[in-house]
Amino acid sequence: AQAQSFEYAPGKATYRISQSTKATQEAMGQKNEMEGTSSQVLTVDLARSAKDTLTMNVTVDSISSSMGMPQMLERFMGLMVTAKLSPAGNVYSSKPGNDKGGAEAAPLTHALGGFLPTLRPSLNRGATWQDTSVAKLNQNGLEIERKTVSTYRVEGDTTIAGQASWKIARADSITMAGSGNTANGPMTMEGTSKSNGTLFVTSKGVYLGGEGTEDAKLRFVVAANGMELGMTQSSRTKVEKVK
């Protein structure tokens, strides 16, 4: 099929991200299993700031989780991230738009800056490509380098709510490693993650959302005593455009 040009359209939209998670922690021969759900509602505002640049502001309208201490998430309410993107979603830069959440917001800030999938300026059925990104994050005292290789494939076109749309498969392979001083003293970590899913964008440049699964394995080692903590996690995520 003939390729069609694609770029994200300026405008404002609201999205709901719903996730269900199962995790197992193992330390000193003991296992602890956890299960829960989380939800976020985001406002995404796209504006054209130059011919080849979009400015994206993402604001956290609400955030909740049944795991951990839900009240700790209140600090992220109103968090805003500002990113500069190519018209097809390639991130040039990303930074906090305010100081909500402080240093602990770094992982969420990174995720929100890459909210829109990185696509191509032209799309056609069967097209495939890869996108690689490397990010350095400070998470609970650990300086972590995270490398993500995303593979996309255009499965075809479809119609959603009367809108002509592209159906695109996405697979991510992630490696991460880091070290630093934590509440438990000096620590190192390493891990891998693989995810598979499907996303939808309209031919007019609007991201409609998608869904997918992710399986991750993490290993932490406390330097002082060599104690190891292993974690496996499986999650299912759904992104919906609600308005």
Protein backbone atom coordinates (compact mmCIF):
# COMPACT_ATOMS: atom_id res chain seq x y z
CA ALA A 1 0.00 0.00 0.00
CA GLN A 2 1.09 3.56 -0.65
CA ALA A 3 2.69 5.30 2.30
CA GLN A 4 0.72 8.06 4.00
CA SER A 5 2.33 11.02 5.73
CA PHE A 6 1.97 11.15 9.50
CA GLU A 7 2.54 13.75 12.19
CA TYR A 8 0.90 14.39 15.55
CA ALA A 9 -1.76 17.08 15.45
CA PRO A 10 -1.69 20.04 17.87
CA GLY A 11 -4.49 19.94 20.43
CA LYS A 12 -5.46 18.92 23.96
CA ALA A 13 -6.64 15.47 25.05
CA THR A 14 -7.20 13.49 28.25
CA TYR A 15 -5.99 9.90 28.73
CA ARG A 16 -6.55 7.25 31.37
CA ILE A 17 -3.77 4.74 32.07
CA SER A 18 -4.91 1.59 33.91
CA GLN A 19 -2.49 -1.10 35.07
CA SER A 20 -2.77 -4.41 36.91
CA THR A 21 0.42 -5.87 38.39
CA LYS A 22 1.60 -9.10 39.98
CA ALA A 23 5.03 -9.10 41.64
CA THR A 24 7.15 -11.51 43.64
CA GLN A 25 10.05 -10.45 45.89
CA GLU A 26 12.58 -13.02 47.10
CA ALA A 27 15.26 -12.48 49.77
CA MET A 28 17.08 -14.97 52.02
CA GLY A 29 14.93 -17.80 50.75
CA GLN A 30 11.68 -16.04 51.61
CA LYS A 31 9.11 -15.03 48.98
CA ASN A 32 6.60 -12.21 49.21
CA GLU A 33 3.89 -12.02 46.57
CA MET A 34 1.98 -8.83 45.79
CA GLU A 35 -0.87 -7.94 43.49
CA GLY A 36 -2.54 -4.63 42.78
CA THR A 37 -3.82 -2.02 40.39
CA SER A 38 -2.96 1.58 39.57
CA SER A 39 -4.48 4.38 37.54
CA GLN A 40 -3.45 7.76 36.16
CA VAL A 41 -5.39 10.45 34.34
CA LEU A 42 -3.27 12.78 32.20
CA THR A 43 -3.92 15.93 30.20
CA VAL A 44 -1.71 16.13 27.12
CA ASP A 45 -1.43 19.51 25.36
CA LEU A 46 0.40 19.62 22.01
CA ALA A 47 1.37 22.86 20.28
CA ARG A 48 3.52 23.54 17.21
CA SER A 49 6.46 25.70 18.25
CA ALA A 50 8.39 25.40 14.96
CA LYS A 51 7.99 23.69 11.60
CA ASP A 52 9.88 20.64 12.85
CA THR A 53 9.06 20.87 16.57
CA LEU A 54 6.07 20.22 18.81
CA THR A 55 5.92 21.32 22.44
CA MET A 56 4.10 18.82 24.65
CA ASN A 57 2.90 19.57 28.18
CA VAL A 58 1.73 16.53 30.15
CA THR A 59 -0.05 17.12 33.48
CA VAL A 60 -0.98 14.49 36.06
CA ASP A 61 -4.66 15.12 36.89
CA SER A 62 -4.98 12.10 39.20
CA ILE A 63 -2.88 9.13 40.28
CA SER A 64 -3.75 6.18 42.54
CA SER A 65 -2.46 2.73 43.44
CA SER A 66 -3.60 -0.16 45.65
CA MET A 67 0.03 -1.17 46.26
CA GLY A 68 2.41 0.45 48.72
CA MET A 69 1.27 3.65 50.45
CA PRO A 70 -1.33 5.39 48.23
CA GLN A 71 -1.08 8.66 50.20
CA MET A 72 2.55 8.99 49.08
CA LEU A 73 1.31 9.49 45.51
CA GLU A 74 -0.47 12.72 46.42
CA ARG A 75 2.80 14.60 45.93
CA PHE A 76 2.63 13.84 42.19
CA MET A 77 -0.80 15.40 41.69
CA GLY A 78 -0.39 18.37 39.33
CA LEU A 79 3.08 17.26 38.17
CA MET A 80 3.77 18.68 34.72
CA VAL A 81 6.41 17.65 32.21
CA THR A 82 7.38 19.70 29.16
CA ALA A 83 8.93 17.94 26.16
CA LYS A 84 10.12 19.03 22.71
CA LEU A 85 9.25 16.50 19.99
CA SER A 86 9.56 15.97 16.28
CA PRO A 87 6.17 15.97 14.50
CA ALA A 88 6.34 12.12 14.53
CA GLY A 89 7.07 11.92 18.27
CA ASN A 90 10.86 11.65 18.54
CA VAL A 91 11.81 13.32 21.85
CA TYR A 92 14.41 16.10 21.55
CA SER A 93 14.30 17.09 25.23
CA SER A 94 12.19 16.59 28.33
CA LYS A 95 12.16 18.37 31.69
CA PRO A 96 9.89 18.97 34.69
CA GLY A 97 7.50 21.87 34.20
CA ASN A 98 7.20 22.34 37.97
CA ASP A 99 8.71 20.99 41.19
CA LYS A 100 5.89 18.62 42.18
CA GLY A 101 7.20 15.35 43.63
CA GLY A 102 10.81 16.50 43.94
CA ALA A 103 13.65 14.08 43.14
CA GLU A 104 11.39 11.05 43.61
CA ALA A 105 9.39 12.11 40.55
CA ALA A 106 12.31 11.38 38.18
CA PRO A 107 11.03 7.99 36.86
CA LEU A 108 7.52 9.39 36.33
CA THR A 109 8.92 12.53 34.68
CA HIS A 110 10.92 10.38 32.25
CA ALA A 111 7.89 8.23 31.41
CA LEU A 112 5.61 11.22 30.79
CA GLY A 113 8.16 12.88 28.51
CA GLY A 114 7.97 9.83 26.25
CA PHE A 115 4.19 9.40 26.50
CA LEU A 116 3.58 9.57 22.74
CA PRO A 117 4.93 6.62 20.70
CA THR A 118 7.81 7.48 18.37
CA LEU A 119 6.45 6.84 14.86
CA ARG A 120 7.60 7.60 11.33
CA PRO A 121 6.79 10.61 9.11
CA SER A 122 5.20 8.14 6.66
CA LEU A 123 3.25 4.96 7.42
CA ASN A 124 2.16 2.02 5.29
CA ARG A 125 1.01 -1.50 5.98
CA GLY A 126 3.91 -3.83 6.86
CA ALA A 127 6.41 -1.05 7.61
CA THR A 128 8.82 -1.84 10.48
CA TRP A 129 11.41 0.22 12.33
CA GLN A 130 13.35 0.46 15.60
CA ASP A 131 13.79 3.28 18.06
CA THR A 132 16.54 3.22 20.74
CA SER A 133 16.68 5.50 23.76
CA VAL A 134 19.02 5.72 26.75
CA ALA A 135 18.03 7.50 29.94
CA LYS A 136 19.83 8.09 33.23
CA LEU A 137 17.60 8.26 36.29
CA ASN A 138 18.04 8.71 40.03
CA GLN A 139 15.60 6.40 41.79
CA ASN A 140 15.69 6.15 45.59
CA GLY A 141 19.41 6.97 45.60
CA LEU A 142 20.35 4.62 42.75
CA GLU A 143 21.87 6.14 39.61
CA ILE A 144 20.33 3.94 36.90
CA GLU A 145 21.04 3.78 33.17
CA ARG A 146 18.06 2.45 31.25
CA LYS A 147 18.30 1.43 27.59
CA THR A 148 15.12 0.76 25.63
CA VAL A 149 14.97 -0.76 22.13
CA SER A 150 11.46 -0.48 20.66
CA THR A 151 10.43 -2.36 17.51
CA TYR A 152 7.32 -1.22 15.63
CA ARG A 153 5.29 -2.84 12.88
CA VAL A 154 2.28 -1.36 11.08
CA GLU A 155 -0.28 -4.16 11.14
CA GLY A 156 -2.77 -2.32 8.97
CA ASP A 157 -5.53 0.26 9.07
CA THR A 158 -8.83 0.11 10.90
CA THR A 159 -11.71 2.31 12.02
CA ILE A 160 -12.23 3.29 15.67
CA ALA A 161 -15.27 5.36 16.67
CA GLY A 162 -15.69 6.33 13.05
CA GLN A 163 -12.08 7.50 12.68
CA ALA A 164 -9.64 6.02 10.16
CA SER A 165 -6.72 4.71 12.21
CA TRP A 166 -3.46 2.81 12.03
CA LYS A 167 -3.00 -0.36 14.11
CA ILE A 168 0.66 -0.65 15.15
CA ALA A 169 2.36 -3.47 17.09
CA ARG A 170 5.13 -2.47 19.50
CA ALA A 171 7.71 -4.64 21.32
CA ASP A 172 10.17 -3.21 23.86
CA SER A 173 13.39 -4.76 25.15
CA ILE A 174 14.83 -2.95 28.18
CA THR A 175 18.09 -3.36 30.09
CA MET A 176 18.94 -1.38 33.21
CA ALA A 177 21.79 -1.22 35.70
CA GLY A 178 22.95 1.13 38.41
CA SER A 179 24.38 1.70 41.86
CA GLY A 180 24.23 4.23 44.66
CA ASN A 181 23.55 4.96 48.30
CA THR A 182 20.10 3.99 49.55
CA ALA A 183 18.34 3.78 52.90
CA ASN A 184 19.93 0.31 53.21
CA GLY A 185 23.40 1.58 52.37
CA PRO A 186 25.40 1.20 49.12
CA MET A 187 23.57 -1.01 46.64
CA THR A 188 23.75 -2.20 43.04
CA MET A 189 20.94 -3.27 40.74
CA GLU A 190 20.46 -4.80 37.31
CA GLY A 191 17.43 -5.93 35.40
CA THR A 192 15.71 -6.69 32.12
CA SER A 193 12.20 -6.19 30.83
CA LYS A 194 10.25 -7.22 27.74
CA SER A 195 6.88 -5.91 26.63
CA ASN A 196 4.47 -6.44 23.74
CA GLY A 197 1.41 -4.45 22.79
CA THR A 198 -0.70 -2.66 20.23
CA LEU A 199 -1.33 1.06 19.76
CA PHE A 200 -3.65 3.12 17.60
CA VAL A 201 -3.26 6.54 15.94
CA THR A 202 -5.67 8.23 13.58
CA SER A 203 -4.67 9.25 10.08
CA LYS A 204 -5.17 12.85 11.30
CA GLY A 205 -2.44 12.51 13.94
CA VAL A 206 -4.33 11.75 17.15
CA TYR A 207 -3.08 9.09 19.57
CA LEU A 208 -6.05 6.93 20.65
CA GLY A 209 -4.16 4.71 23.13
CA GLY A 210 -3.51 0.96 23.21
CA GLU A 211 -2.72 -1.93 25.53
CA GLY A 212 0.09 -4.37 26.27
CA THR A 213 1.87 -6.64 28.72
CA GLU A 214 5.30 -6.42 30.35
CA ASP A 215 7.50 -8.94 32.20
CA ALA A 216 10.45 -7.66 34.23
CA LYS A 217 13.22 -9.21 36.34
CA LEU A 218 15.30 -7.15 38.80
CA ARG A 219 18.19 -8.01 41.13
CA PHE A 220 19.48 -5.83 43.97
CA VAL A 221 22.64 -6.46 46.02
CA VAL A 222 23.44 -4.70 49.32
CA ALA A 223 27.21 -4.03 49.33
CA ALA A 224 27.70 -4.22 53.11
CA ASN A 225 26.59 -7.83 53.53
CA GLY A 226 26.09 -9.16 50.01
CA MET A 227 22.37 -9.75 50.63
CA GLU A 228 20.44 -10.17 47.40
CA LEU A 229 16.86 -9.19 46.66
CA GLY A 230 15.23 -10.53 43.52
CA MET A 231 11.99 -9.29 42.00
CA THR A 232 9.85 -10.48 39.12
CA GLN A 233 6.91 -8.46 37.91
CA SER A 234 4.19 -8.97 35.31
CA SER A 235 1.83 -6.18 34.35
CA ARG A 236 -0.93 -5.38 31.90
CA THR A 237 -1.45 -1.76 30.87
CA LYS A 238 -4.27 -0.05 28.97
CA VAL A 239 -4.19 3.53 27.68
CA GLU A 240 -7.52 5.10 26.69
CA LYS A 241 -8.28 8.51 25.22
CA VAL A 242 -11.27 9.66 27.24
CA LYS A 243 -11.76 13.11 25.68
